[in-house]
């Protein structure tokens, strides 16, 4: 086992914490905003039109299951078309799609 100096360990920990913060910093804020919007929209929906909200709430699991199924079954378009990768490198050729 390699012994690490305290100063070097502090630098490693700081860089790892910084990488974690960069990875989840904006995503946590977006998650909180999306959750709050979702909850607020259901509260407003139930107070304004509770019948329509119940129908949407009853159909939502079927929509989620079908969306998950079709995302697994369908072929993503970026795998079948190679010129999108090239157009990212050369902006003048971005009009050439496939």
C-alpha atoms as a PDB file:
ATOM      1  CA  UNK A   1       0.000   0.000   0.000  1.00  0.00           C
ATOM      2  CA  UNK A   2       1.337   3.387  -1.001  1.00  0.00           C
ATOM      3  CA  UNK A   3       1.517   6.083   1.663  1.00  0.00           C
ATOM      4  CA  UNK A   4       0.314   9.479   0.447  1.00  0.00           C
ATOM      5  CA  UNK A   5       1.424  12.766   1.957  1.00  0.00           C
ATOM      6  CA  UNK A   6      -1.320  14.780   3.669  1.00  0.00           C
ATOM      7  CA  UNK A   7      -0.972  17.706   1.272  1.00  0.00           C
ATOM      8  CA  UNK A   8      -1.207  15.441  -1.774  1.00  0.00           C
ATOM      9  CA  UNK A   9      -4.263  13.678  -0.319  1.00  0.00           C
ATOM     10  CA  UNK A  10      -5.923  17.046   0.246  1.00  0.00           C
ATOM     11  CA  UNK A  11      -5.319  18.001  -3.382  1.00  0.00           C
ATOM     12  CA  UNK A  12      -6.773  14.679  -4.602  1.00  0.00           C
ATOM     13  CA  UNK A  13      -9.856  15.066  -2.417  1.00  0.00           C
ATOM     14  CA  UNK A  14     -10.365  18.670  -3.529  1.00  0.00           C
ATOM     15  CA  UNK A  15     -10.096  17.767  -7.211  1.00  0.00           C
ATOM     16  CA  UNK A  16     -12.500  14.832  -6.785  1.00  0.00           C
ATOM     17  CA  UNK A  17     -15.031  16.991  -4.939  1.00  0.00           C
ATOM     18  CA  UNK A  18     -14.721  19.622  -7.652  1.00  0.00           C
ATOM     19  CA  UNK A  19     -15.389  17.001 -10.346  1.00  0.00           C
ATOM     20  CA  UNK A  20     -18.468  15.769  -8.474  1.00  0.00           C
ATOM     21  CA  UNK A  21     -19.731  19.321  -8.041  1.00  0.00           C
ATOM     22  CA  UNK A  22     -19.237  20.029 -11.739  1.00  0.00           C
ATOM     23  CA  UNK A  23     -21.081  16.829 -12.608  1.00  0.00           C
ATOM     24  CA  UNK A  24     -24.187  17.349 -10.496  1.00  0.00           C
ATOM     25  CA  UNK A  25     -24.229  21.088  -9.790  1.00  0.00           C
ATOM     26  CA  UNK A  26     -26.642  22.227 -12.486  1.00  0.00           C
ATOM     27  CA  UNK A  27     -28.526  18.950 -12.590  1.00  0.00           C
ATOM     28  CA  UNK A  28     -29.678  19.229  -8.968  1.00  0.00           C
ATOM     29  CA  UNK A  29     -31.142  22.658  -9.607  1.00  0.00           C
ATOM     30  CA  UNK A  30     -32.913  21.413 -12.719  1.00  0.00           C
ATOM     31  CA  UNK A  31     -34.265  18.406 -10.794  1.00  0.00           C
ATOM     32  CA  UNK A  32     -35.655  20.621  -8.029  1.00  0.00           C
ATOM     33  CA  UNK A  33     -37.191  23.005 -10.577  1.00  0.00           C
ATOM     34  CA  UNK A  34     -38.788  20.180 -12.571  1.00  0.00           C
ATOM     35  CA  UNK A  35     -40.154  18.486  -9.438  1.00  0.00           C
ATOM     36  CA  UNK A  36     -41.607  21.730  -8.136  1.00  0.00           C
ATOM     37  CA  UNK A  37     -43.206  22.488 -11.506  1.00  0.00           C
ATOM     38  CA  UNK A  38     -44.679  18.977 -11.673  1.00  0.00           C
ATOM     39  CA  UNK A  39     -46.192  19.173  -8.179  1.00  0.00           C
ATOM     40  CA  UNK A  40     -47.495  22.709  -8.697  1.00  0.00           C
ATOM     41  CA  UNK A  41     -49.094  21.786 -12.020  1.00  0.00           C
ATOM     42  CA  UNK A  42     -50.967  18.884 -10.437  1.00  0.00           C
ATOM     43  CA  UNK A  43     -52.168  21.089  -7.591  1.00  0.00           C
ATOM     44  CA  UNK A  44     -53.385  23.717 -10.052  1.00  0.00           C
ATOM     45  CA  UNK A  45     -54.866  21.009 -12.262  1.00  0.00           C
ATOM     46  CA  UNK A  46     -56.838  19.454  -9.414  1.00  0.00           C
ATOM     47  CA  UNK A  47     -58.170  22.814  -8.265  1.00  0.00           C
ATOM     48  CA  UNK A  48     -59.167  24.017 -11.751  1.00  0.00           C
ATOM     49  CA  UNK A  49     -60.292  20.889 -13.596  1.00  0.00           C
ATOM     50  CA  UNK A  50     -60.150  17.785 -11.460  1.00  0.00           C
ATOM     51  CA  UNK A  51     -61.846  15.475 -13.964  1.00  0.00           C
ATOM     52  CA  UNK A  52     -59.318  16.120 -16.716  1.00  0.00           C
ATOM     53  CA  UNK A  53     -56.464  15.830 -14.222  1.00  0.00           C
ATOM     54  CA  UNK A  54     -57.713  12.419 -13.101  1.00  0.00           C
ATOM     55  CA  UNK A  55     -57.903  11.225 -16.699  1.00  0.00           C
ATOM     56  CA  UNK A  56     -54.352  12.425 -17.400  1.00  0.00           C
ATOM     57  CA  UNK A  57     -53.144  10.841 -14.160  1.00  0.00           C
ATOM     58  CA  UNK A  58     -54.774   7.533 -15.121  1.00  0.00           C
ATOM     59  CA  UNK A  59     -53.253   7.531 -18.623  1.00  0.00           C
ATOM     60  CA  UNK A  60     -49.736   8.667 -17.604  1.00  0.00           C
ATOM     61  CA  UNK A  61     -48.376   5.197 -16.659  1.00  0.00           C
ATOM     62  CA  UNK A  62     -49.421   3.799 -20.031  1.00  0.00           C
ATOM     63  CA  UNK A  63     -47.730   6.708 -21.791  1.00  0.00           C
ATOM     64  CA  UNK A  64     -44.546   6.214 -19.783  1.00  0.00           C
ATOM     65  CA  UNK A  65     -44.444   2.482 -20.484  1.00  0.00           C
ATOM     66  CA  UNK A  66     -45.033   2.968 -24.198  1.00  0.00           C
ATOM     67  CA  UNK A  67     -42.373   5.698 -24.383  1.00  0.00           C
ATOM     68  CA  UNK A  68     -39.856   3.431 -22.663  1.00  0.00           C
ATOM     69  CA  UNK A  69     -40.750   0.554 -24.964  1.00  0.00           C
ATOM     70  CA  UNK A  70     -40.415   2.593 -28.145  1.00  0.00           C
ATOM     71  CA  UNK A  71     -37.134   4.137 -27.000  1.00  0.00           C
ATOM     72  CA  UNK A  72     -35.703   0.640 -26.547  1.00  0.00           C
ATOM     73  CA  UNK A  73     -37.119  -0.695 -29.818  1.00  0.00           C
ATOM     74  CA  UNK A  74     -36.374   2.186 -32.149  1.00  0.00           C
ATOM     75  CA  UNK A  75     -32.950   2.714 -33.626  1.00  0.00           C
ATOM     76  CA  UNK A  76     -31.473   6.051 -32.524  1.00  0.00           C
ATOM     77  CA  UNK A  77     -31.013   8.292 -35.564  1.00  0.00           C
ATOM     78  CA  UNK A  78     -27.427   9.245 -34.690  1.00  0.00           C
ATOM     79  CA  UNK A  79     -26.281   5.632 -35.139  1.00  0.00           C
ATOM     80  CA  UNK A  80     -27.607   5.350 -38.681  1.00  0.00           C
ATOM     81  CA  UNK A  81     -26.323   8.664 -40.009  1.00  0.00           C
ATOM     82  CA  UNK A  82     -22.599   9.310 -39.877  1.00  0.00           C
ATOM     83  CA  UNK A  83     -22.554  12.798 -41.364  1.00  0.00           C
ATOM     84  CA  UNK A  84     -23.866  14.388 -38.153  1.00  0.00           C
ATOM     85  CA  UNK A  85     -20.503  13.657 -36.567  1.00  0.00           C
ATOM     86  CA  UNK A  86     -18.728  15.163 -39.554  1.00  0.00           C
ATOM     87  CA  UNK A  87     -20.954  18.242 -39.561  1.00  0.00           C
ATOM     88  CA  UNK A  88     -19.986  18.938 -35.958  1.00  0.00           C
ATOM     89  CA  UNK A  89     -16.361  19.154 -37.059  1.00  0.00           C
ATOM     90  CA  UNK A  90     -17.020  21.124 -40.237  1.00  0.00           C
ATOM     91  CA  UNK A  91     -19.754  23.768 -39.779  1.00  0.00           C
ATOM     92  CA  UNK A  92     -19.932  24.564 -43.500  1.00  0.00           C
ATOM     93  CA  UNK A  93     -21.111  21.030 -44.225  1.00  0.00           C
ATOM     94  CA  UNK A  94     -23.868  21.001 -41.606  1.00  0.00           C
ATOM     95  CA  UNK A  95     -26.573  21.123 -44.274  1.00  0.00           C
ATOM     96  CA  UNK A  96     -25.604  17.666 -45.504  1.00  0.00           C
ATOM     97  CA  UNK A  97     -27.777  15.446 -43.319  1.00  0.00           C
ATOM     98  CA  UNK A  98     -27.459  11.881 -44.650  1.00  0.00           C
END
